[in-house]
Amino acid sequence: MLRRLLVAFLALGLAACSGLPLNTVAPRVSMAEVDIRHLGLFEQHYDVGLRLSNPNDFDLHIEVLEFELELNGRPFAKGQSRVSTLIPATSSSVMRVEAITQSENLIQQIKTLPPDMLKEGVPYRIRGRFKTDRSPLWLNFDHAGVYGGDRKKTEGRGA
């Protein structure tokens, strides 16, 4: 009984130190747009607009964000940002992040992407993690959706 009580106090103490309220919901992350920044022989650079939706009743400042992007079920690009971005309470913001892909990943995408898929939209999955100004802990995200085409609906989950 004493051990359970000690564990409960320890868990509450760690939660209190995290700086985030106990009922915090992780922001949802989805792709808003992708623009080509630079095409090189060995790697390509993209400007990725990530929509960060904050369902909480308090503002969040994203200080660091890292992600991996899959297109059509295959690895495509990785990105990282250390630029602080404010996400107002119960609102959303677009965060611009540079993403880099290796030529072999781009070639695999071109080889395996059916031509009709560009018209219908390309399935994507973006997963990663971020830190806020309110906690030293990383928060994870994982979102799947469709980019482009006529289908604008996406489904995802914050972790």
Protein backbone atom coordinates (compact mmCIF):
# COMPACT_ATOMS: atom_id res chain seq x y z
CA MET A 1 0.00 0.00 0.00
CA LEU A 2 2.80 2.40 0.90
CA ARG A 3 4.60 1.50 -2.33
CA ARG A 4 1.51 2.36 -4.43
CA LEU A 5 1.13 5.66 -2.64
CA LEU A 6 4.78 6.50 -3.26
CA VAL A 7 4.47 5.62 -6.95
CA ALA A 8 1.33 7.79 -7.24
CA PHE A 9 3.09 10.78 -5.64
CA LEU A 10 6.10 10.29 -7.89
CA ALA A 11 3.91 10.18 -11.00
CA LEU A 12 2.04 13.32 -9.94
CA GLY A 13 5.33 15.06 -9.18
CA LEU A 14 6.70 14.25 -12.63
CA ALA A 15 3.50 15.46 -14.27
CA ALA A 16 3.67 18.70 -12.29
CA CYS A 17 7.27 19.25 -13.39
CA SER A 18 6.40 18.79 -17.04
CA GLY A 19 4.76 22.23 -17.22
CA LEU A 20 1.81 20.98 -19.25
CA PRO A 21 -1.64 20.56 -17.71
CA LEU A 22 -2.65 16.93 -17.12
CA ASN A 23 -5.48 17.14 -19.69
CA THR A 24 -3.22 18.43 -22.50
CA VAL A 25 -4.05 17.10 -25.96
CA ALA A 26 -1.14 16.92 -28.41
CA PRO A 27 -1.54 19.26 -31.39
CA ARG A 28 -2.51 17.62 -34.67
CA VAL A 29 0.06 17.89 -37.47
CA SER A 30 -0.83 17.59 -41.16
CA MET A 31 0.63 18.70 -44.49
CA ALA A 32 -0.66 22.00 -45.83
CA GLU A 33 1.64 22.41 -48.85
CA VAL A 34 4.95 21.42 -50.38
CA ASP A 35 7.14 23.60 -52.61
CA ILE A 36 10.44 22.73 -54.29
CA ARG A 37 13.31 24.77 -52.89
CA HIS A 38 16.34 23.23 -54.63
CA LEU A 39 16.88 20.20 -56.86
CA GLY A 40 20.35 18.73 -56.73
CA LEU A 41 21.99 15.63 -58.09
CA PHE A 42 22.25 13.83 -54.74
CA GLU A 43 19.54 15.46 -52.66
CA GLN A 44 16.50 17.68 -53.03
CA HIS A 45 15.25 20.37 -50.66
CA TYR A 46 11.57 21.19 -50.14
CA ASP A 47 9.70 23.87 -48.23
CA VAL A 48 6.98 21.98 -46.34
CA GLY A 49 4.09 23.80 -44.75
CA LEU A 50 2.86 21.85 -41.72
CA ARG A 51 -0.54 22.73 -40.28
CA LEU A 52 -0.38 22.54 -36.49
CA SER A 53 -3.82 22.52 -34.86
CA ASN A 54 -3.97 23.20 -31.13
CA PRO A 55 -7.18 21.80 -29.53
CA ASN A 56 -6.19 23.03 -26.05
CA ASP A 57 -7.53 26.13 -24.30
CA PHE A 58 -4.01 27.59 -23.92
CA ASP A 59 -1.36 28.75 -26.39
CA LEU A 60 1.56 26.50 -27.30
CA HIS A 61 4.96 27.60 -28.55
CA ILE A 62 6.60 24.85 -30.59
CA GLU A 63 10.36 25.24 -30.10
CA VAL A 64 11.72 22.18 -31.93
CA LEU A 65 10.02 19.89 -34.45
CA GLU A 66 11.40 16.82 -36.26
CA PHE A 67 9.53 14.69 -38.77
CA GLU A 68 9.73 11.94 -41.36
CA LEU A 69 7.46 12.01 -44.38
CA GLU A 70 6.27 8.96 -46.31
CA LEU A 71 4.56 9.21 -49.68
CA ASN A 72 2.59 6.31 -51.08
CA GLY A 73 3.85 4.06 -48.27
CA ARG A 74 7.53 4.75 -48.96
CA PRO A 75 10.07 6.92 -47.08
CA PHE A 76 10.45 10.27 -48.81
CA ALA A 77 11.92 13.13 -46.76
CA LYS A 78 13.06 14.22 -43.31
CA GLY A 79 12.86 17.66 -41.79
CA GLN A 80 13.68 19.60 -38.67
CA SER A 81 12.92 23.10 -37.42
CA ARG A 82 14.28 25.00 -34.45
CA VAL A 83 12.26 28.15 -35.19
CA SER A 84 9.73 28.90 -32.45
CA THR A 85 6.13 28.90 -33.72
CA LEU A 86 3.07 30.03 -31.76
CA ILE A 87 -0.10 27.97 -32.03
CA PRO A 88 -2.92 29.96 -30.44
CA ALA A 89 -5.41 28.20 -28.17
CA THR A 90 -8.10 26.28 -30.10
CA SER A 91 -6.62 27.44 -33.39
CA SER A 92 -4.02 26.45 -35.98
CA SER A 93 -0.87 27.81 -37.59
CA VAL A 94 1.24 26.81 -40.57
CA MET A 95 4.88 26.15 -39.76
CA ARG A 96 7.40 26.26 -42.62
CA VAL A 97 10.05 23.52 -42.40
CA GLU A 98 12.82 22.56 -44.79
CA ALA A 99 12.74 18.87 -45.70
CA ILE A 100 15.45 16.96 -47.51
CA THR A 101 15.16 13.82 -49.60
CA GLN A 102 17.89 11.70 -51.12
CA SER A 103 17.83 11.09 -54.87
CA GLU A 104 17.27 7.35 -54.42
CA ASN A 105 14.03 8.05 -52.47
CA LEU A 106 12.85 10.44 -55.18
CA ILE A 107 13.64 7.90 -57.92
CA GLN A 108 11.72 5.17 -56.05
CA GLN A 109 8.72 7.49 -55.78
CA ILE A 110 8.78 8.26 -59.50
CA LYS A 111 9.07 4.54 -60.37
CA THR A 112 6.24 3.37 -58.11
CA LEU A 113 3.78 6.27 -58.26
CA PRO A 114 0.87 5.43 -60.57
CA PRO A 115 0.09 8.33 -62.98
CA ASP A 116 -3.57 8.48 -61.87
CA MET A 117 -2.54 8.97 -58.27
CA LEU A 118 -1.43 12.54 -58.94
CA LYS A 119 -4.99 13.36 -60.02
CA GLU A 120 -6.57 11.52 -57.08
CA GLY A 121 -4.09 12.70 -54.45
CA VAL A 122 -1.02 11.05 -52.98
CA PRO A 123 -1.38 9.22 -49.66
CA TYR A 124 1.08 10.45 -47.09
CA ARG A 125 2.06 9.76 -43.52
CA ILE A 126 3.93 12.22 -41.38
CA ARG A 127 5.27 11.28 -38.00
CA GLY A 128 7.68 12.87 -35.64
CA ARG A 129 8.01 14.74 -32.41
CA PHE A 130 8.21 18.25 -31.00
CA LYS A 131 9.00 20.18 -27.85
CA THR A 132 7.05 23.10 -26.46
CA ASP A 133 8.10 25.97 -24.22
CA ARG A 134 6.02 24.44 -21.44
CA SER A 135 7.83 21.12 -21.09
CA PRO A 136 11.27 19.57 -21.57
CA LEU A 137 9.57 16.36 -22.77
CA TRP A 138 9.03 15.45 -26.43
CA LEU A 139 5.45 15.01 -27.70
CA ASN A 140 4.92 12.57 -30.58
CA PHE A 141 2.61 12.89 -33.57
CA ASP A 142 1.53 10.54 -36.34
CA HIS A 143 -0.86 11.56 -39.10
CA ALA A 144 -1.98 9.93 -42.35
CA GLY A 145 -3.87 11.70 -45.10
CA VAL A 146 -4.04 12.46 -48.81
CA TYR A 147 -2.17 15.39 -50.35
CA GLY A 148 -3.46 17.06 -53.51
CA GLY A 149 -6.08 15.82 -55.93
CA ASP A 150 -9.80 16.17 -55.34
CA ARG A 151 -9.75 14.36 -51.99
CA LYS A 152 -9.10 16.90 -49.24
CA LYS A 153 -10.20 14.79 -46.27
CA THR A 154 -7.49 13.44 -43.97
CA GLU A 155 -7.43 11.26 -40.92
CA GLY A 156 -4.82 11.33 -38.19
CA ARG A 157 -3.99 10.95 -34.58
CA GLY A 158 -1.74 12.72 -32.14
CA ALA A 159 0.26 10.47 -29.87
